[in-house]
Amino acid sequence: MPSFDKKNFIKVLEQVEEGSIAPIYLLHGEDYLVKTALEELTELLVPESQRSTNLQVVDGREADFRQILDSVNTFALFGGRKVVVVRNSRIFYSRANLPALVVKSQ
């Protein structure tokens, strides 16, 4: 899977505009830069007129993995591309946090 830093993120946007869309994009780093990149990517992936039905934002701190997976595996209500944004995902926590995370998830 290719990786791009903030200087080369324009290449990702160009690929999306050309129709080469990855199934998953992982954005991480400084909050402002991630927010800006997410807005730009979302604008290209989901037209404004479809965002109310085809864009779902999930808080990874509150939703469990099963809820997120169900959201990802559900098709868009009226067709078109569906985008699920998971903010504050916990899947990248270290193993040191794993026991507490499992208890909290249950």
N, C-alpha and C. Protein backbone atom coordinates (compact mmCIF):
# COMPACT_ATOMS: atom_id res chain seq x y z
N MET A 1 0.85 -1.16 0.00
CA MET A 1 0.00 0.00 0.00
C MET A 1 0.90 1.23 0.00
N PRO A 2 0.69 2.14 -0.92
CA PRO A 2 1.50 3.35 -0.95
C PRO A 2 1.24 4.24 0.26
N SER A 3 2.26 4.98 0.62
CA SER A 3 2.16 5.91 1.73
C SER A 3 2.57 7.29 1.24
N PHE A 4 1.84 8.31 1.67
CA PHE A 4 2.13 9.66 1.24
C PHE A 4 2.24 10.56 2.46
N ASP A 5 3.19 11.47 2.43
CA ASP A 5 3.26 12.45 3.51
C ASP A 5 2.51 13.70 3.08
N LYS A 6 2.47 14.68 3.96
CA LYS A 6 1.65 15.88 3.68
C LYS A 6 2.10 16.61 2.43
N LYS A 7 3.39 16.54 2.10
CA LYS A 7 3.88 17.23 0.90
C LYS A 7 3.38 16.57 -0.38
N ASN A 8 3.16 15.25 -0.32
CA ASN A 8 2.76 14.50 -1.50
C ASN A 8 1.28 14.11 -1.51
N PHE A 9 0.51 14.63 -0.56
CA PHE A 9 -0.90 14.27 -0.49
C PHE A 9 -1.66 14.69 -1.75
N ILE A 10 -1.16 15.69 -2.42
CA ILE A 10 -1.80 16.13 -3.67
C ILE A 10 -1.85 14.98 -4.68
N LYS A 11 -0.89 14.06 -4.62
CA LYS A 11 -0.90 12.89 -5.52
C LYS A 11 -2.11 11.99 -5.23
N VAL A 12 -2.45 11.86 -3.96
CA VAL A 12 -3.62 11.07 -3.58
C VAL A 12 -4.87 11.71 -4.17
N LEU A 13 -4.98 13.02 -4.02
CA LEU A 13 -6.15 13.72 -4.55
C LEU A 13 -6.23 13.60 -6.06
N GLU A 14 -5.09 13.67 -6.73
CA GLU A 14 -5.06 13.52 -8.18
C GLU A 14 -5.52 12.12 -8.59
N GLN A 15 -5.08 11.10 -7.84
CA GLN A 15 -5.50 9.72 -8.15
C GLN A 15 -7.01 9.56 -7.99
N VAL A 16 -7.55 10.15 -6.95
CA VAL A 16 -9.00 10.06 -6.72
C VAL A 16 -9.74 10.75 -7.86
N GLU A 17 -9.27 11.92 -8.27
CA GLU A 17 -9.91 12.64 -9.38
C GLU A 17 -9.87 11.82 -10.66
N GLU A 18 -8.82 11.01 -10.84
CA GLU A 18 -8.67 10.18 -12.03
C GLU A 18 -9.47 8.88 -11.93
N GLY A 19 -10.09 8.64 -10.77
CA GLY A 19 -10.90 7.44 -10.60
C GLY A 19 -10.19 6.29 -9.93
N SER A 20 -8.94 6.47 -9.54
CA SER A 20 -8.20 5.42 -8.84
C SER A 20 -8.40 5.63 -7.34
N ILE A 21 -9.36 4.90 -6.80
CA ILE A 21 -9.77 5.10 -5.41
C ILE A 21 -9.43 3.87 -4.59
N ALA A 22 -8.72 4.08 -3.50
CA ALA A 22 -8.35 2.98 -2.60
C ALA A 22 -9.55 2.62 -1.72
N PRO A 23 -9.63 1.37 -1.27
CA PRO A 23 -10.75 1.00 -0.40
C PRO A 23 -10.65 1.64 0.99
N ILE A 24 -9.42 1.95 1.42
CA ILE A 24 -9.22 2.54 2.75
C ILE A 24 -8.14 3.60 2.66
N TYR A 25 -8.37 4.71 3.35
CA TYR A 25 -7.36 5.75 3.53
C TYR A 25 -7.15 5.93 5.02
N LEU A 26 -5.90 5.91 5.43
CA LEU A 26 -5.55 6.13 6.83
C LEU A 26 -4.87 7.49 6.92
N LEU A 27 -5.52 8.40 7.61
CA LEU A 27 -4.97 9.74 7.80
C LEU A 27 -4.55 9.86 9.25
N HIS A 28 -3.33 10.25 9.49
CA HIS A 28 -2.86 10.40 10.87
C HIS A 28 -1.85 11.52 10.93
N GLY A 29 -1.69 12.06 12.12
CA GLY A 29 -0.73 13.14 12.32
C GLY A 29 -1.36 14.30 13.05
N GLU A 30 -0.86 15.48 12.77
CA GLU A 30 -1.34 16.70 13.41
C GLU A 30 -2.82 16.91 13.09
N ASP A 31 -3.60 17.22 14.11
CA ASP A 31 -5.06 17.33 13.97
C ASP A 31 -5.49 18.25 12.83
N TYR A 32 -4.89 19.43 12.74
CA TYR A 32 -5.29 20.39 11.71
C TYR A 32 -5.04 19.81 10.31
N LEU A 33 -3.88 19.20 10.12
CA LEU A 33 -3.54 18.66 8.80
C LEU A 33 -4.45 17.48 8.44
N VAL A 34 -4.75 16.64 9.42
CA VAL A 34 -5.65 15.51 9.17
C VAL A 34 -7.03 16.02 8.81
N LYS A 35 -7.52 17.01 9.55
CA LYS A 35 -8.85 17.57 9.28
C LYS A 35 -8.91 18.16 7.88
N THR A 36 -7.89 18.90 7.50
CA THR A 36 -7.85 19.52 6.17
C THR A 36 -7.80 18.45 5.08
N ALA A 37 -6.94 17.46 5.26
CA ALA A 37 -6.84 16.38 4.26
C ALA A 37 -8.15 15.61 4.15
N LEU A 38 -8.80 15.35 5.28
CA LEU A 38 -10.08 14.63 5.27
C LEU A 38 -11.14 15.43 4.53
N GLU A 39 -11.19 16.73 4.75
CA GLU A 39 -12.17 17.57 4.05
C GLU A 39 -11.94 17.52 2.54
N GLU A 40 -10.68 17.63 2.12
CA GLU A 40 -10.37 17.60 0.69
C GLU A 40 -10.72 16.25 0.08
N LEU A 41 -10.39 15.19 0.77
CA LEU A 41 -10.67 13.85 0.27
C LEU A 41 -12.17 13.59 0.22
N THR A 42 -12.88 14.01 1.24
CA THR A 42 -14.33 13.83 1.29
C THR A 42 -15.02 14.58 0.16
N GLU A 43 -14.56 15.78 -0.12
CA GLU A 43 -15.15 16.57 -1.22
C GLU A 43 -15.05 15.84 -2.55
N LEU A 44 -13.94 15.12 -2.75
CA LEU A 44 -13.77 14.39 -4.01
C LEU A 44 -14.54 13.07 -4.03
N LEU A 45 -14.65 12.42 -2.89
CA LEU A 45 -15.27 11.10 -2.84
C LEU A 45 -16.79 11.13 -2.80
N VAL A 46 -17.36 12.10 -2.11
CA VAL A 46 -18.82 12.14 -1.94
C VAL A 46 -19.33 13.53 -2.33
N PRO A 47 -20.12 13.62 -3.39
CA PRO A 47 -20.68 14.91 -3.78
C PRO A 47 -21.54 15.51 -2.65
N GLU A 48 -21.56 16.79 -2.56
CA GLU A 48 -22.31 17.50 -1.51
C GLU A 48 -23.75 17.02 -1.43
N SER A 49 -24.38 16.78 -2.58
CA SER A 49 -25.78 16.38 -2.60
C SER A 49 -26.01 14.98 -2.01
N GLN A 50 -24.96 14.17 -1.88
CA GLN A 50 -25.10 12.81 -1.36
C GLN A 50 -24.56 12.64 0.06
N ARG A 51 -24.00 13.66 0.63
CA ARG A 51 -23.35 13.52 1.93
C ARG A 51 -24.30 13.15 3.05
N SER A 52 -25.53 13.58 2.98
CA SER A 52 -26.46 13.26 4.08
C SER A 52 -26.76 11.77 4.14
N THR A 53 -26.65 11.07 3.02
CA THR A 53 -26.95 9.63 3.02
C THR A 53 -25.72 8.75 2.79
N ASN A 54 -24.68 9.27 2.16
CA ASN A 54 -23.54 8.43 1.78
C ASN A 54 -22.28 8.70 2.59
N LEU A 55 -22.33 9.61 3.54
CA LEU A 55 -21.18 9.89 4.40
C LEU A 55 -21.58 9.64 5.84
N GLN A 56 -20.86 8.75 6.49
CA GLN A 56 -21.15 8.43 7.89
C GLN A 56 -19.88 8.67 8.69
N VAL A 57 -20.00 9.46 9.75
CA VAL A 57 -18.87 9.75 10.63
C VAL A 57 -19.10 9.01 11.95
N VAL A 58 -18.12 8.21 12.35
CA VAL A 58 -18.22 7.38 13.54
C VAL A 58 -17.10 7.78 14.51
N ASP A 59 -17.44 7.90 15.77
CA ASP A 59 -16.43 8.18 16.79
C ASP A 59 -15.89 6.84 17.28
N GLY A 60 -14.64 6.55 16.98
CA GLY A 60 -14.02 5.29 17.35
C GLY A 60 -13.88 5.09 18.84
N ARG A 61 -13.99 6.16 19.62
CA ARG A 61 -13.92 6.03 21.08
C ARG A 61 -15.21 5.47 21.65
N GLU A 62 -16.33 5.68 20.96
CA GLU A 62 -17.63 5.25 21.47
C GLU A 62 -18.19 4.03 20.76
N ALA A 63 -17.88 3.86 19.50
CA ALA A 63 -18.40 2.72 18.74
C ALA A 63 -17.45 1.53 18.89
N ASP A 64 -18.03 0.35 18.99
CA ASP A 64 -17.16 -0.82 19.04
C ASP A 64 -16.83 -1.25 17.62
N PHE A 65 -15.88 -2.16 17.51
CA PHE A 65 -15.39 -2.56 16.19
C PHE A 65 -16.50 -3.17 15.35
N ARG A 66 -17.40 -3.91 15.96
CA ARG A 66 -18.51 -4.54 15.21
C ARG A 66 -19.41 -3.48 14.58
N GLN A 67 -19.71 -2.41 15.31
CA GLN A 67 -20.53 -1.33 14.75
C GLN A 67 -19.84 -0.68 13.56
N ILE A 68 -18.55 -0.47 13.70
CA ILE A 68 -17.79 0.14 12.60
C ILE A 68 -17.79 -0.79 11.39
N LEU A 69 -17.55 -2.07 11.62
CA LEU A 69 -17.54 -3.04 10.53
C LEU A 69 -18.90 -3.12 9.85
N ASP A 70 -19.98 -3.09 10.62
CA ASP A 70 -21.32 -3.09 10.04
C ASP A 70 -21.54 -1.85 9.17
N SER A 71 -21.07 -0.71 9.62
CA SER A 71 -21.21 0.52 8.84
C SER A 71 -20.45 0.42 7.52
N VAL A 72 -19.26 -0.12 7.58
CA VAL A 72 -18.44 -0.26 6.38
C VAL A 72 -19.06 -1.25 5.39
N ASN A 73 -19.67 -2.30 5.90
CA ASN A 73 -20.24 -3.35 5.04
C ASN A 73 -21.65 -3.07 4.55
N THR A 74 -22.23 -1.95 4.93
CA THR A 74 -23.57 -1.58 4.49
C THR A 74 -23.46 -0.67 3.27
N PHE A 75 -24.24 -0.97 2.25
CA PHE A 75 -24.22 -0.16 1.04
C PHE A 75 -24.90 1.19 1.27
N ALA A 76 -24.59 2.13 0.40
CA ALA A 76 -25.22 3.45 0.45
C ALA A 76 -26.72 3.30 0.20
N LEU A 77 -27.51 4.08 0.89
CA LEU A 77 -28.95 3.97 0.84
C LEU A 77 -29.51 4.17 -0.58
N PHE A 78 -29.05 5.19 -1.28
CA PHE A 78 -29.57 5.50 -2.62
C PHE A 78 -28.54 5.29 -3.71
N GLY A 79 -27.59 4.38 -3.50
CA GLY A 79 -26.57 4.12 -4.49
C GLY A 79 -25.43 5.12 -4.39
N GLY A 80 -24.46 4.97 -5.22
CA GLY A 80 -23.29 5.83 -5.18
C GLY A 80 -22.27 5.31 -4.19
N ARG A 81 -21.25 6.05 -4.01
CA ARG A 81 -20.15 5.66 -3.12
C ARG A 81 -20.48 6.00 -1.68
N LYS A 82 -20.24 5.07 -0.79
CA LYS A 82 -20.44 5.31 0.63
C LYS A 82 -19.07 5.49 1.27
N VAL A 83 -18.95 6.47 2.13
CA VAL A 83 -17.71 6.74 2.85
C VAL A 83 -18.00 6.72 4.34
N VAL A 84 -17.20 5.93 5.05
CA VAL A 84 -17.31 5.87 6.51
C VAL A 84 -16.02 6.45 7.08
N VAL A 85 -16.16 7.50 7.86
CA VAL A 85 -15.02 8.15 8.51
C VAL A 85 -15.02 7.71 9.97
N VAL A 86 -13.92 7.10 10.39
CA VAL A 86 -13.79 6.70 11.79
C VAL A 86 -12.78 7.63 12.43
N ARG A 87 -13.26 8.47 13.31
CA ARG A 87 -12.39 9.40 14.03
C ARG A 87 -11.96 8.76 15.35
N ASN A 88 -10.75 9.09 15.76
CA ASN A 88 -10.22 8.62 17.05
C ASN A 88 -10.27 7.10 17.18
N SER A 89 -9.83 6.42 16.14
CA SER A 89 -9.85 4.97 16.14
C SER A 89 -8.94 4.41 17.23
N ARG A 90 -9.36 3.32 17.83
CA ARG A 90 -8.58 2.68 18.88
C ARG A 90 -7.77 1.51 18.36
N ILE A 91 -7.87 1.17 17.11
CA ILE A 91 -7.20 -0.02 16.63
C ILE A 91 -5.69 0.12 16.61
N PHE A 92 -5.20 1.32 16.79
CA PHE A 92 -3.76 1.52 16.78
C PHE A 92 -3.17 1.74 18.17
N TYR A 93 -3.95 1.44 19.19
CA TYR A 93 -3.43 1.52 20.55
C TYR A 93 -2.35 0.44 20.72
N SER A 94 -1.45 0.66 21.63
CA SER A 94 -0.39 -0.32 21.88
C SER A 94 -0.94 -1.53 22.62
N ARG A 95 -0.19 -2.61 22.60
CA ARG A 95 -0.60 -3.83 23.30
C ARG A 95 -0.67 -3.61 24.81
N ALA A 96 0.06 -2.62 25.30
CA ALA A 96 0.02 -2.33 26.74
C ALA A 96 -1.39 -1.90 27.15
N ASN A 97 -2.13 -1.29 26.26
CA ASN A 97 -3.49 -0.85 26.56
C ASN A 97 -4.54 -1.93 26.24
N LEU A 98 -4.12 -3.03 25.64
CA LEU A 98 -5.06 -4.02 25.14
C LEU A 98 -5.99 -4.58 26.21
N PRO A 99 -5.51 -5.05 27.37
CA PRO A 99 -6.45 -5.61 28.36
C PRO A 99 -7.55 -4.62 28.79
N ALA A 100 -7.16 -3.39 29.05
CA ALA A 100 -8.15 -2.39 29.44
C ALA A 100 -9.10 -2.09 28.29
N LEU A 101 -8.59 -2.08 27.07
CA LEU A 101 -9.43 -1.81 25.91
C LEU A 101 -10.43 -2.93 25.68
N VAL A 102 -10.02 -4.18 25.87
CA VAL A 102 -10.92 -5.31 25.71
C VAL A 102 -12.04 -5.24 26.74
N VAL A 103 -11.71 -4.98 27.98
CA VAL A 103 -12.72 -4.86 29.03
C VAL A 103 -13.70 -3.75 28.71
N LYS A 104 -13.18 -2.62 28.28
CA LYS A 104 -14.04 -1.47 27.97
C LYS A 104 -14.94 -1.77 26.77
N SER A 105 -14.43 -2.49 25.79
CA SER A 105 -15.22 -2.84 24.60
C SER A 105 -16.37 -3.77 24.94
N GLN A 106 -16.13 -4.68 25.89
CA GLN A 106 -17.17 -5.65 26.27
C GLN A 106 -18.27 -4.94 27.03
